[in-house]
Amino acid sequence: MHSNNITMENKEEQPGLTDQLKQYIETRIKLARYQAIDKGTSFFANLVTEVFVLLCTALTFFFATLTLAFLLGQLLGAIWMGFGCVTLLYLFLAMIVSAIKDKHLEPRIINFLIKKIFKPKK
């Protein structure tokens, strides 16, 4: 009789299969939510820093271009000629990039972005 009491007590203490399944599903949902929050915040933080670096790089490039244009203008004797030379340089670079973008640039950019998005967290 004593063993029947222990068996009944164990049955009362242990949650049923349905309760365990509910807890498992709730835990998986919480885990998925936390992983999504972690990925989202990491992505946003990375986006903010990348945009800041890109902005700083663009400003540096812009002011370097102005400096080159004024330097060439001074060397050629007319500011407009310096800016014209820089404009032609950019036109030449745009034509080169346009010619090689499909075969060389776009695949590399796509691969870089895929690696960036799916890189494992350190």
N, C-alpha and C. Protein backbone atom coordinates (compact mmCIF):
# COMPACT_ATOMS: atom_id res chain seq x y z
N MET A 1 0.81 -1.18 0.00
CA MET A 1 0.00 0.00 0.00
C MET A 1 0.87 1.27 0.00
N HIS A 2 1.92 1.11 0.68
CA HIS A 2 2.83 2.24 0.77
C HIS A 2 3.38 2.62 -0.62
N SER A 3 3.66 1.64 -1.47
CA SER A 3 4.19 1.93 -2.79
C SER A 3 3.14 2.60 -3.68
N ASN A 4 1.87 2.31 -3.49
CA ASN A 4 0.83 2.97 -4.25
C ASN A 4 0.74 4.46 -3.91
N ASN A 5 0.96 4.80 -2.66
CA ASN A 5 0.95 6.20 -2.25
C ASN A 5 2.07 6.98 -2.93
N ILE A 6 3.23 6.38 -3.03
CA ILE A 6 4.38 7.04 -3.67
C ILE A 6 4.10 7.24 -5.15
N THR A 7 3.53 6.25 -5.81
CA THR A 7 3.21 6.34 -7.22
C THR A 7 2.19 7.44 -7.46
N MET A 8 1.19 7.54 -6.65
CA MET A 8 0.18 8.57 -6.81
C MET A 8 0.76 9.95 -6.55
N GLU A 9 1.67 10.06 -5.59
CA GLU A 9 2.31 11.35 -5.31
C GLU A 9 3.16 11.78 -6.49
N ASN A 10 3.92 10.85 -7.09
CA ASN A 10 4.76 11.17 -8.24
C ASN A 10 3.91 11.62 -9.42
N LYS A 11 2.76 10.99 -9.62
CA LYS A 11 1.89 11.38 -10.72
C LYS A 11 1.36 12.78 -10.51
N GLU A 12 1.08 13.13 -9.29
CA GLU A 12 0.56 14.46 -9.00
C GLU A 12 1.65 15.52 -9.16
N GLU A 13 2.89 15.20 -8.83
CA GLU A 13 3.98 16.17 -8.88
C GLU A 13 4.48 16.41 -10.30
N GLN A 14 4.50 15.38 -11.13
CA GLN A 14 5.02 15.51 -12.48
C GLN A 14 3.95 16.11 -13.38
N PRO A 15 4.35 17.12 -14.16
CA PRO A 15 3.38 17.69 -15.10
C PRO A 15 3.09 16.69 -16.21
N GLY A 16 1.90 16.81 -16.77
CA GLY A 16 1.50 15.91 -17.83
C GLY A 16 2.21 16.23 -19.13
N LEU A 17 2.10 15.35 -20.08
CA LEU A 17 2.74 15.53 -21.38
C LEU A 17 2.25 16.80 -22.07
N THR A 18 1.00 17.10 -21.96
CA THR A 18 0.43 18.31 -22.56
C THR A 18 1.04 19.56 -21.95
N ASP A 19 1.18 19.57 -20.62
CA ASP A 19 1.79 20.72 -19.95
C ASP A 19 3.25 20.87 -20.35
N GLN A 20 3.96 19.76 -20.46
CA GLN A 20 5.37 19.81 -20.87
C GLN A 20 5.49 20.34 -22.30
N LEU A 21 4.59 19.89 -23.16
CA LEU A 21 4.60 20.36 -24.54
C LEU A 21 4.31 21.85 -24.61
N LYS A 22 3.35 22.33 -23.82
CA LYS A 22 3.04 23.76 -23.77
C LYS A 22 4.25 24.56 -23.30
N GLN A 23 4.90 24.08 -22.24
CA GLN A 23 6.10 24.77 -21.73
C GLN A 23 7.21 24.78 -22.78
N TYR A 24 7.38 23.67 -23.47
CA TYR A 24 8.40 23.59 -24.51
C TYR A 24 8.12 24.60 -25.63
N ILE A 25 6.88 24.67 -26.07
CA ILE A 25 6.51 25.61 -27.13
C ILE A 25 6.71 27.06 -26.66
N GLU A 26 6.30 27.36 -25.43
CA GLU A 26 6.49 28.70 -24.89
C GLU A 26 7.96 29.06 -24.81
N THR A 27 8.78 28.10 -24.39
CA THR A 27 10.22 28.34 -24.31
C THR A 27 10.81 28.58 -25.69
N ARG A 28 10.40 27.80 -26.67
CA ARG A 28 10.89 27.98 -28.04
C ARG A 28 10.47 29.34 -28.59
N ILE A 29 9.25 29.77 -28.29
CA ILE A 29 8.78 31.08 -28.75
C ILE A 29 9.61 32.19 -28.11
N LYS A 30 9.86 32.07 -26.80
CA LYS A 30 10.69 33.07 -26.11
C LYS A 30 12.09 33.10 -26.70
N LEU A 31 12.65 31.93 -26.95
CA LEU A 31 14.00 31.86 -27.53
C LEU A 31 14.03 32.51 -28.90
N ALA A 32 13.05 32.22 -29.73
CA ALA A 32 12.98 32.82 -31.07
C ALA A 32 12.85 34.33 -30.97
N ARG A 33 12.04 34.80 -30.02
CA ARG A 33 11.85 36.24 -29.83
C ARG A 33 13.17 36.90 -29.41
N TYR A 34 13.86 36.28 -28.45
CA TYR A 34 15.14 36.84 -27.99
C TYR A 34 16.19 36.82 -29.10
N GLN A 35 16.20 35.76 -29.90
CA GLN A 35 17.15 35.70 -31.00
C GLN A 35 16.83 36.77 -32.05
N ALA A 36 15.55 37.00 -32.30
CA ALA A 36 15.16 38.04 -33.25
C ALA A 36 15.54 39.42 -32.73
N ILE A 37 15.34 39.65 -31.44
CA ILE A 37 15.72 40.93 -30.83
C ILE A 37 17.23 41.12 -30.93
N ASP A 38 17.98 40.06 -30.63
CA ASP A 38 19.43 40.12 -30.70
C ASP A 38 19.90 40.43 -32.11
N LYS A 39 19.35 39.72 -33.10
CA LYS A 39 19.72 39.96 -34.51
C LYS A 39 19.33 41.37 -34.93
N GLY A 40 18.12 41.79 -34.55
CA GLY A 40 17.65 43.11 -34.95
C GLY A 40 18.48 44.24 -34.37
N THR A 41 18.79 44.14 -33.09
CA THR A 41 19.59 45.20 -32.47
C THR A 41 21.02 45.20 -33.00
N SER A 42 21.57 44.02 -33.24
CA SER A 42 22.92 43.94 -33.81
C SER A 42 22.93 44.54 -35.21
N PHE A 43 21.91 44.20 -35.99
CA PHE A 43 21.81 44.74 -37.35
C PHE A 43 21.68 46.25 -37.33
N PHE A 44 20.83 46.77 -36.45
CA PHE A 44 20.63 48.22 -36.37
C PHE A 44 21.90 48.94 -35.93
N ALA A 45 22.58 48.39 -34.91
CA ALA A 45 23.83 49.01 -34.44
C ALA A 45 24.88 49.00 -35.55
N ASN A 46 24.95 47.90 -36.26
CA ASN A 46 25.89 47.80 -37.37
C ASN A 46 25.53 48.79 -38.48
N LEU A 47 24.24 48.92 -38.76
CA LEU A 47 23.78 49.85 -39.78
C LEU A 47 24.14 51.29 -39.42
N VAL A 48 23.93 51.67 -38.18
CA VAL A 48 24.23 53.03 -37.74
C VAL A 48 25.73 53.32 -37.88
N THR A 49 26.56 52.40 -37.44
CA THR A 49 28.01 52.64 -37.53
C THR A 49 28.48 52.63 -38.98
N GLU A 50 27.91 51.74 -39.80
CA GLU A 50 28.30 51.70 -41.22
C GLU A 50 27.88 52.98 -41.93
N VAL A 51 26.70 53.50 -41.63
CA VAL A 51 26.25 54.75 -42.25
C VAL A 51 27.15 55.90 -41.82
N PHE A 52 27.54 55.92 -40.55
CA PHE A 52 28.44 56.98 -40.07
C PHE A 52 29.79 56.92 -40.79
N VAL A 53 30.35 55.73 -40.90
CA VAL A 53 31.63 55.57 -41.60
C VAL A 53 31.49 55.96 -43.06
N LEU A 54 30.39 55.55 -43.70
CA LEU A 54 30.15 55.90 -45.10
C LEU A 54 30.02 57.41 -45.27
N LEU A 55 29.32 58.06 -44.36
CA LEU A 55 29.17 59.51 -44.41
C LEU A 55 30.52 60.21 -44.27
N CYS A 56 31.31 59.79 -43.31
CA CYS A 56 32.64 60.38 -43.12
C CYS A 56 33.53 60.16 -44.35
N THR A 57 33.45 58.96 -44.92
CA THR A 57 34.23 58.67 -46.12
C THR A 57 33.78 59.54 -47.29
N ALA A 58 32.46 59.70 -47.44
CA ALA A 58 31.93 60.53 -48.53
C ALA A 58 32.36 61.99 -48.36
N LEU A 59 32.32 62.49 -47.14
CA LEU A 59 32.75 63.88 -46.91
C LEU A 59 34.25 64.04 -47.18
N THR A 60 35.03 63.06 -46.76
CA THR A 60 36.47 63.11 -47.03
C THR A 60 36.74 63.11 -48.52
N PHE A 61 36.04 62.25 -49.23
CA PHE A 61 36.19 62.17 -50.68
C PHE A 61 35.77 63.47 -51.34
N PHE A 62 34.67 64.05 -50.88
CA PHE A 62 34.18 65.31 -51.43
C PHE A 62 35.20 66.43 -51.26
N PHE A 63 35.73 66.56 -50.04
CA PHE A 63 36.69 67.64 -49.80
C PHE A 63 38.03 67.38 -50.50
N ALA A 64 38.40 66.14 -50.64
CA ALA A 64 39.62 65.82 -51.40
C ALA A 64 39.42 66.18 -52.87
N THR A 65 38.22 65.96 -53.38
CA THR A 65 37.91 66.33 -54.76
C THR A 65 37.97 67.84 -54.95
N LEU A 66 37.41 68.58 -54.01
CA LEU A 66 37.49 70.04 -54.09
C LEU A 66 38.94 70.52 -54.04
N THR A 67 39.72 69.91 -53.16
CA THR A 67 41.13 70.28 -53.05
C THR A 67 41.86 70.02 -54.36
N LEU A 68 41.62 68.86 -54.96
CA LEU A 68 42.25 68.53 -56.23
C LEU A 68 41.82 69.50 -57.33
N ALA A 69 40.53 69.83 -57.35
CA ALA A 69 40.04 70.76 -58.37
C ALA A 69 40.68 72.13 -58.23
N PHE A 70 40.79 72.63 -57.00
CA PHE A 70 41.43 73.93 -56.81
C PHE A 70 42.92 73.87 -57.12
N LEU A 71 43.57 72.78 -56.76
CA LEU A 71 44.99 72.63 -57.07
C LEU A 71 45.22 72.62 -58.58
N LEU A 72 44.44 71.80 -59.29
CA LEU A 72 44.58 71.76 -60.75
C LEU A 72 44.24 73.11 -61.37
N GLY A 73 43.23 73.77 -60.83
CA GLY A 73 42.86 75.10 -61.32
C GLY A 73 44.00 76.09 -61.16
N GLN A 74 44.67 76.02 -60.03
CA GLN A 74 45.79 76.93 -59.79
C GLN A 74 46.95 76.60 -60.73
N LEU A 75 47.23 75.31 -60.91
CA LEU A 75 48.32 74.90 -61.80
C LEU A 75 48.02 75.23 -63.26
N LEU A 76 46.76 75.13 -63.67
CA LEU A 76 46.39 75.40 -65.06
C LEU A 76 46.07 76.88 -65.30
N GLY A 77 45.95 77.66 -64.24
CA GLY A 77 45.75 79.09 -64.37
C GLY A 77 44.29 79.52 -64.35
N ALA A 78 43.35 78.58 -64.23
CA ALA A 78 41.93 78.94 -64.17
C ALA A 78 41.21 77.88 -63.32
N ILE A 79 40.44 78.37 -62.38
CA ILE A 79 39.72 77.47 -61.48
C ILE A 79 38.79 76.55 -62.28
N TRP A 80 38.10 77.11 -63.27
CA TRP A 80 37.14 76.31 -64.04
C TRP A 80 37.83 75.15 -64.74
N MET A 81 39.09 75.33 -65.14
CA MET A 81 39.81 74.25 -65.81
C MET A 81 40.12 73.11 -64.82
N GLY A 82 40.42 73.47 -63.59
CA GLY A 82 40.66 72.45 -62.57
C GLY A 82 39.42 71.63 -62.29
N PHE A 83 38.27 72.32 -62.16
CA PHE A 83 37.01 71.61 -61.95
C PHE A 83 36.61 70.79 -63.18
N GLY A 84 36.94 71.31 -64.35
CA GLY A 84 36.66 70.57 -65.59
C GLY A 84 37.48 69.28 -65.66
N CYS A 85 38.75 69.35 -65.25
CA CYS A 85 39.59 68.14 -65.25
C CYS A 85 39.06 67.10 -64.26
N VAL A 86 38.65 67.55 -63.10
CA VAL A 86 38.10 66.62 -62.10
C VAL A 86 36.79 66.02 -62.62
N THR A 87 35.98 66.83 -63.29
CA THR A 87 34.74 66.33 -63.87
C THR A 87 35.02 65.27 -64.92
N LEU A 88 35.99 65.50 -65.77
CA LEU A 88 36.36 64.51 -66.79
C LEU A 88 36.89 63.23 -66.14
N LEU A 89 37.65 63.39 -65.06
CA LEU A 89 38.14 62.23 -64.33
C LEU A 89 36.98 61.38 -63.82
N TYR A 90 35.97 62.03 -63.22
CA TYR A 90 34.80 61.30 -62.72
C TYR A 90 33.99 60.67 -63.87
N LEU A 91 33.89 61.36 -64.98
CA LEU A 91 33.20 60.80 -66.14
C LEU A 91 33.92 59.54 -66.63
N PHE A 92 35.23 59.59 -66.69
CA PHE A 92 36.03 58.44 -67.10
C PHE A 92 35.86 57.28 -66.11
N LEU A 93 35.90 57.56 -64.82
CA LEU A 93 35.69 56.51 -63.81
C LEU A 93 34.29 55.91 -63.90
N ALA A 94 33.28 56.76 -64.14
CA ALA A 94 31.90 56.27 -64.27
C ALA A 94 31.76 55.34 -65.47
N MET A 95 32.43 55.65 -66.55
CA MET A 95 32.37 54.79 -67.73
C MET A 95 33.05 53.45 -67.47
N ILE A 96 34.16 53.46 -66.76
CA ILE A 96 34.86 52.21 -66.43
C ILE A 96 33.99 51.36 -65.50
N VAL A 97 33.44 51.96 -64.46
CA VAL A 97 32.60 51.22 -63.51
C VAL A 97 31.37 50.66 -64.23
N SER A 98 30.77 51.45 -65.11
CA SER A 98 29.60 50.99 -65.86
C SER A 98 29.94 49.79 -66.74
N ALA A 99 31.14 49.79 -67.29
CA ALA A 99 31.55 48.69 -68.18
C ALA A 99 31.83 47.39 -67.41
N ILE A 100 32.32 47.49 -66.18
CA ILE A 100 32.72 46.28 -65.45
C ILE A 100 31.76 45.88 -64.33
N LYS A 101 30.71 46.65 -64.11
CA LYS A 101 29.86 46.41 -62.93
C LYS A 101 29.17 45.06 -62.95
N ASP A 102 28.59 44.65 -64.07
CA ASP A 102 27.83 43.40 -64.10
C ASP A 102 28.71 42.17 -63.87
N LYS A 103 29.89 42.20 -64.43
CA LYS A 103 30.74 41.01 -64.39
C LYS A 103 31.61 40.95 -63.13
N HIS A 104 32.06 42.09 -62.65
CA HIS A 104 33.05 42.09 -61.57
C HIS A 104 32.57 42.71 -60.26
N LEU A 105 31.89 43.82 -60.32
CA LEU A 105 31.57 44.55 -59.09
C LEU A 105 30.34 44.01 -58.37
N GLU A 106 29.22 43.84 -59.08
CA GLU A 106 27.99 43.42 -58.43
C GLU A 106 28.11 42.06 -57.72
N PRO A 107 28.72 41.04 -58.33
CA PRO A 107 28.85 39.77 -57.60
C PRO A 107 29.67 39.91 -56.31
N ARG A 108 30.71 40.71 -56.34
CA ARG A 108 31.52 40.91 -55.13
C ARG A 108 30.74 41.66 -54.05
N ILE A 109 29.97 42.64 -54.46
CA ILE A 109 29.16 43.40 -53.49
C ILE A 109 28.08 42.49 -52.89
N ILE A 110 27.44 41.68 -53.73
CA ILE A 110 26.42 40.75 -53.24
C ILE A 110 27.02 39.77 -52.25
N ASN A 111 28.16 39.19 -52.57
CA ASN A 111 28.82 38.24 -51.67
C ASN A 111 29.22 38.91 -50.36
N PHE A 112 29.71 40.14 -50.43
CA PHE A 112 30.09 40.88 -49.22
C PHE A 112 28.87 41.09 -48.32
N LEU A 113 27.75 41.51 -48.91
CA LEU A 113 26.55 41.77 -48.12
C LEU A 113 25.99 40.48 -47.51
N ILE A 114 26.02 39.39 -48.26
CA ILE A 114 25.54 38.12 -47.72
C ILE A 114 26.39 37.69 -46.54
N LYS A 115 27.71 37.82 -46.67
CA LYS A 115 28.59 37.47 -45.55
C LYS A 115 28.35 38.37 -44.36
N LYS A 116 28.10 39.64 -44.62
CA LYS A 116 27.86 40.60 -43.54
C LYS A 116 26.56 40.29 -42.80
N ILE A 117 25.53 39.95 -43.54
CA ILE A 117 24.23 39.69 -42.93
C ILE A 117 24.24 38.38 -42.15
N PHE A 118 24.88 37.35 -42.70
CA PHE A 118 24.83 36.03 -42.08
C PHE A 118 26.07 35.67 -41.28
N LYS A 119 26.91 36.65 -40.98
CA LYS A 119 28.13 36.32 -40.23
C LYS A 119 27.75 35.89 -38.81
N PRO A 120 28.47 34.87 -38.30
CA PRO A 120 28.17 34.42 -36.93
C PRO A 120 28.58 35.48 -35.93
N LYS A 121 27.85 35.51 -34.83
CA LYS A 121 28.14 36.49 -33.79
C LYS A 121 29.37 36.04 -33.00
N LYS A 122 30.21 36.99 -32.68
CA LYS A 122 31.45 36.69 -31.94
C LYS A 122 31.18 36.46 -30.48
